[in-house]
N, C-alpha and C. Protein backbone atom coordinates (compact mmCIF):
# COMPACT_ATOMS: atom_id res chain seq x y z
N MET A 1 -2.81 1.33 -81.96
CA MET A 1 -3.83 2.09 -82.90
C MET A 1 -3.00 3.07 -84.04
N THR A 2 -3.47 2.94 -85.03
CA THR A 2 -3.05 3.52 -86.11
C THR A 2 -3.88 4.66 -86.65
N PHE A 3 -3.34 5.65 -86.77
CA PHE A 3 -3.93 6.94 -87.23
C PHE A 3 -3.49 7.21 -89.09
N PRO A 4 -4.60 7.88 -89.72
CA PRO A 4 -3.91 8.23 -90.95
C PRO A 4 -2.48 9.22 -90.81
N ALA A 5 -2.04 9.18 -92.03
CA ALA A 5 -0.65 9.67 -92.14
C ALA A 5 -0.86 11.41 -91.89
N PRO A 6 -1.87 11.91 -92.42
CA PRO A 6 -1.97 13.27 -91.97
C PRO A 6 -2.16 13.63 -90.50
N CYS A 7 -2.77 12.73 -90.05
CA CYS A 7 -3.03 12.76 -88.54
C CYS A 7 -1.72 12.63 -87.80
N GLU A 8 -1.23 11.53 -88.12
CA GLU A 8 0.30 11.28 -87.49
C GLU A 8 1.22 12.44 -87.69
N HIS A 9 1.06 13.00 -88.79
CA HIS A 9 2.12 14.27 -89.02
C HIS A 9 1.60 15.56 -88.15
N ALA A 10 0.11 15.84 -88.20
CA ALA A 10 -0.14 16.73 -87.19
C ALA A 10 0.13 16.64 -85.83
N MET A 11 -0.10 15.14 -85.36
CA MET A 11 0.63 15.04 -83.73
C MET A 11 1.70 15.38 -83.36
N GLN A 12 2.75 14.91 -84.42
CA GLN A 12 4.12 15.19 -84.56
C GLN A 12 4.45 16.66 -84.36
N VAL A 13 3.86 17.44 -85.10
CA VAL A 13 3.83 18.87 -85.11
C VAL A 13 3.31 19.34 -83.85
N MET A 14 2.26 19.02 -83.48
CA MET A 14 1.59 19.54 -82.30
C MET A 14 2.78 19.15 -81.09
N ASN A 15 3.02 17.97 -80.95
CA ASN A 15 4.24 17.46 -80.12
C ASN A 15 5.53 18.44 -79.97
N THR A 16 6.17 18.57 -81.47
CA THR A 16 7.22 19.71 -81.28
C THR A 16 6.94 20.97 -80.79
N HIS A 17 5.60 21.67 -81.15
CA HIS A 17 5.34 22.87 -80.61
C HIS A 17 5.21 22.78 -79.29
N LEU A 18 4.67 21.59 -78.78
CA LEU A 18 4.42 21.66 -77.04
C LEU A 18 5.76 21.44 -76.45
N SER A 19 6.85 20.69 -77.07
CA SER A 19 7.96 20.60 -76.25
C SER A 19 8.65 21.92 -76.30
N GLN A 20 8.71 22.54 -77.43
CA GLN A 20 9.10 23.96 -77.27
C GLN A 20 8.70 24.84 -76.35
N ILE A 21 7.35 24.84 -76.25
CA ILE A 21 6.79 25.84 -75.25
C ILE A 21 7.08 25.40 -73.92
N LYS A 22 7.53 24.13 -73.72
CA LYS A 22 7.84 23.57 -72.52
C LYS A 22 9.13 24.34 -72.15
N VAL A 23 10.32 24.00 -73.17
CA VAL A 23 11.42 24.81 -73.21
C VAL A 23 11.53 26.24 -72.96
N ASN A 24 10.80 26.84 -73.61
CA ASN A 24 10.71 28.53 -73.19
C ASN A 24 9.99 28.78 -71.85
N GLN A 25 9.14 28.05 -71.45
CA GLN A 25 8.81 28.03 -70.11
C GLN A 25 9.66 27.92 -69.05
N ASN A 26 10.65 26.85 -69.19
CA ASN A 26 11.71 26.60 -68.16
C ASN A 26 12.89 27.88 -68.33
N ASP A 27 12.95 28.45 -69.58
CA ASP A 27 13.84 29.46 -69.76
C ASP A 27 13.30 30.79 -68.92
N LEU A 28 11.97 30.94 -69.42
CA LEU A 28 11.18 31.95 -68.34
C LEU A 28 11.34 31.99 -66.87
N GLU A 29 11.15 30.74 -66.63
CA GLU A 29 11.24 30.48 -65.05
C GLU A 29 12.71 30.59 -64.44
N ALA A 30 13.63 30.28 -65.32
CA ALA A 30 14.87 30.32 -64.72
C ALA A 30 15.14 31.92 -64.62
N ARG A 31 14.96 32.78 -65.71
CA ARG A 31 15.04 34.22 -65.89
C ARG A 31 14.52 34.59 -64.68
N LEU A 32 13.22 34.54 -64.35
CA LEU A 32 12.57 34.96 -63.56
C LEU A 32 12.85 34.51 -61.90
N ALA A 33 13.44 33.25 -61.68
CA ALA A 33 14.24 33.24 -60.55
C ALA A 33 15.44 34.05 -60.37
N VAL A 34 16.31 34.34 -61.34
CA VAL A 34 17.46 35.26 -61.48
C VAL A 34 16.81 36.88 -60.89
N MET A 35 15.95 37.20 -61.55
CA MET A 35 15.53 38.45 -61.34
C MET A 35 14.73 38.59 -59.74
N ASP A 36 13.91 37.55 -59.61
CA ASP A 36 13.67 37.30 -58.14
C ASP A 36 14.92 37.56 -57.13
N ARG A 37 16.08 36.81 -57.49
CA ARG A 37 16.99 36.92 -56.43
C ARG A 37 17.79 38.21 -56.72
N LEU A 38 17.94 38.88 -57.78
CA LEU A 38 18.64 40.35 -57.91
C LEU A 38 17.44 41.23 -56.95
N TYR A 39 16.15 41.11 -57.19
CA TYR A 39 15.17 42.13 -56.45
C TYR A 39 15.47 41.90 -54.84
N GLY A 40 15.51 40.58 -54.21
CA GLY A 40 15.66 40.41 -53.19
C GLY A 40 17.13 40.99 -52.49
N GLU A 41 18.02 41.05 -53.27
CA GLU A 41 19.37 41.71 -53.16
C GLU A 41 19.47 43.18 -52.92
N GLU A 42 18.43 43.78 -54.07
CA GLU A 42 18.60 45.08 -53.90
C GLU A 42 17.56 45.70 -52.85
N LYS A 43 16.43 44.88 -52.36
CA LYS A 43 15.54 45.30 -51.30
C LYS A 43 16.24 45.32 -50.07
N ALA A 44 17.30 44.18 -49.94
CA ALA A 44 17.87 44.23 -48.74
C ALA A 44 19.01 45.34 -48.45
N LYS A 45 19.71 45.74 -49.53
CA LYS A 45 20.27 46.83 -49.74
C LYS A 45 19.54 48.18 -49.18
N ALA A 46 18.46 48.36 -49.50
CA ALA A 46 17.65 49.45 -49.58
C ALA A 46 17.25 49.39 -47.89
N VAL A 47 16.96 48.29 -47.27
CA VAL A 47 16.60 48.24 -46.10
C VAL A 47 17.70 48.56 -45.22
N VAL A 48 19.12 48.02 -45.73
CA VAL A 48 20.18 48.60 -44.89
C VAL A 48 20.57 50.09 -44.76
N HIS A 49 20.33 50.62 -46.01
CA HIS A 49 20.37 51.94 -46.31
C HIS A 49 19.37 52.88 -45.38
N LYS A 50 18.11 52.34 -45.23
CA LYS A 50 17.01 52.84 -44.15
C LYS A 50 17.78 53.02 -43.03
N LYS A 51 18.09 51.62 -42.50
CA LYS A 51 18.73 51.40 -41.30
C LYS A 51 19.76 52.57 -40.85
N HIS A 52 20.72 52.65 -41.87
CA HIS A 52 21.86 53.34 -41.61
C HIS A 52 21.35 54.87 -41.45
N ALA A 53 20.07 55.38 -42.45
CA ALA A 53 19.86 56.80 -42.36
C ALA A 53 19.33 57.10 -41.04
N ALA A 54 18.73 55.82 -40.44
CA ALA A 54 17.93 56.16 -39.11
C ALA A 54 18.99 56.35 -37.77
N ILE A 55 19.86 55.64 -38.23
CA ILE A 55 21.27 55.94 -36.86
C ILE A 55 21.79 56.98 -37.17
N ARG A 56 22.12 57.78 -38.56
CA ARG A 56 22.55 58.93 -38.52
C ARG A 56 21.50 60.00 -38.12
N LYS A 57 20.34 59.90 -38.11
CA LYS A 57 19.26 60.93 -37.78
C LYS A 57 19.42 60.84 -36.21
N MET A 58 19.65 59.62 -35.56
CA MET A 58 19.51 59.60 -33.99
C MET A 58 20.70 60.12 -33.52
N LYS A 59 21.95 59.87 -34.11
CA LYS A 59 23.31 60.54 -33.68
C LYS A 59 23.20 62.37 -33.85
N ALA A 60 22.59 62.50 -34.96
CA ALA A 60 22.54 64.17 -35.27
C ALA A 60 21.28 64.52 -33.87
N LYS A 61 20.46 63.93 -33.78
CA LYS A 61 19.56 64.31 -32.68
C LYS A 61 20.11 64.40 -31.46
N ILE A 62 21.01 63.47 -31.02
CA ILE A 62 21.89 63.23 -29.76
C ILE A 62 22.65 64.39 -29.71
N ILE A 63 23.66 64.86 -30.76
CA ILE A 63 24.40 66.02 -30.88
C ILE A 63 23.71 67.25 -30.65
N LYS A 64 22.75 67.40 -31.33
CA LYS A 64 21.84 68.64 -31.22
C LYS A 64 21.39 68.68 -29.84
N LYS A 65 20.82 67.81 -28.94
CA LYS A 65 20.70 68.02 -27.66
C LYS A 65 21.76 68.21 -26.70
N LYS A 66 22.99 67.64 -26.99
CA LYS A 66 24.35 67.86 -26.23
C LYS A 66 24.52 69.35 -26.28
N VAL A 67 24.52 69.82 -27.47
CA VAL A 67 24.90 71.56 -27.93
C VAL A 67 24.02 72.41 -27.19
N LYS A 68 22.78 72.02 -27.01
CA LYS A 68 21.62 72.60 -26.48
C LYS A 68 21.94 72.77 -24.92
N LEU A 69 22.38 71.50 -24.28
CA LEU A 69 22.70 71.45 -22.97
C LEU A 69 23.87 72.20 -22.43
N VAL A 70 25.10 72.10 -23.37
CA VAL A 70 26.14 73.06 -23.24
C VAL A 70 25.73 74.34 -23.18
N ILE A 71 24.96 74.92 -24.30
CA ILE A 71 24.73 76.31 -24.67
C ILE A 71 23.79 76.64 -23.27
N ALA A 72 23.10 76.15 -22.76
CA ALA A 72 22.21 76.61 -21.62
C ALA A 72 22.96 76.42 -20.39
N ALA A 73 24.09 75.53 -20.23
CA ALA A 73 24.85 75.37 -18.93
C ALA A 73 25.78 76.74 -19.03
N LEU A 74 26.16 76.87 -20.39
CA LEU A 74 27.07 78.33 -20.35
C LEU A 74 26.23 79.51 -20.07
N LYS A 75 25.09 79.34 -20.30
CA LYS A 75 24.06 80.48 -20.04
C LYS A 75 23.92 80.82 -18.61
N CYS A 76 23.81 79.57 -17.94
CA CYS A 76 23.64 79.55 -16.50
C CYS A 76 24.42 80.16 -15.55
N THR A 77 23.98 81.16 -14.57
CA THR A 77 24.98 82.08 -14.00
C THR A 77 25.90 81.27 -12.92
N ALA A 78 25.39 80.06 -12.21
CA ALA A 78 26.16 79.53 -11.50
C ALA A 78 27.24 78.77 -12.27
N ALA A 79 26.82 78.02 -13.39
CA ALA A 79 28.04 77.48 -14.20
C ALA A 79 28.84 78.49 -14.79
N LYS A 80 28.75 79.57 -14.85
CA LYS A 80 29.51 80.86 -15.24
C LYS A 80 30.46 81.08 -14.16
N ARG A 81 30.05 81.11 -12.65
CA ARG A 81 31.08 81.14 -11.68
C ARG A 81 31.90 80.08 -11.52
N LYS A 82 31.05 78.72 -11.67
CA LYS A 82 32.14 77.69 -11.55
C LYS A 82 33.23 77.64 -12.52
N GLN A 83 32.81 77.99 -13.68
CA GLN A 83 33.74 78.01 -14.74
C GLN A 83 35.09 78.84 -14.47
N ALA A 84 34.41 80.03 -14.01
CA ALA A 84 35.57 80.91 -13.69
C ALA A 84 36.37 80.64 -12.65
N ALA A 85 35.99 79.88 -11.72
CA ALA A 85 36.73 79.51 -10.71
C ALA A 85 37.51 78.31 -11.19
N HIS A 86 37.02 77.47 -11.98
CA HIS A 86 38.07 76.46 -12.70
C HIS A 86 39.23 77.17 -13.38
N VAL A 87 38.86 78.14 -14.17
CA VAL A 87 39.99 78.96 -14.72
C VAL A 87 41.11 79.58 -13.81
N ALA A 88 40.35 80.30 -12.87
CA ALA A 88 41.36 81.06 -11.85
C ALA A 88 42.09 79.98 -11.16
N LYS A 89 42.04 78.70 -10.90
CA LYS A 89 42.60 77.66 -10.18
C LYS A 89 43.87 77.52 -11.37
N LYS A 90 43.58 77.22 -12.47
CA LYS A 90 44.91 76.88 -13.35
C LYS A 90 45.96 77.85 -13.35
């Protein structure tokens, strides 16, 4: 089927524009894939940072509890006698 010359030209122009749109779309999808990958990496780093922060918090809590126990033991009179006896043995 043949079309008049102006119609043929218009179809060529439209096909050119559509192919350029497809190229731009592919380029945008490639950039989006890169950004998604980078976002995933940053999110993973944030999760690891949060885990490390939680571990540091738990360690600090354990140390604080140990210090309290040591202080309580030193305040106890029986513990003081035992400590004095231990020092006297040396």
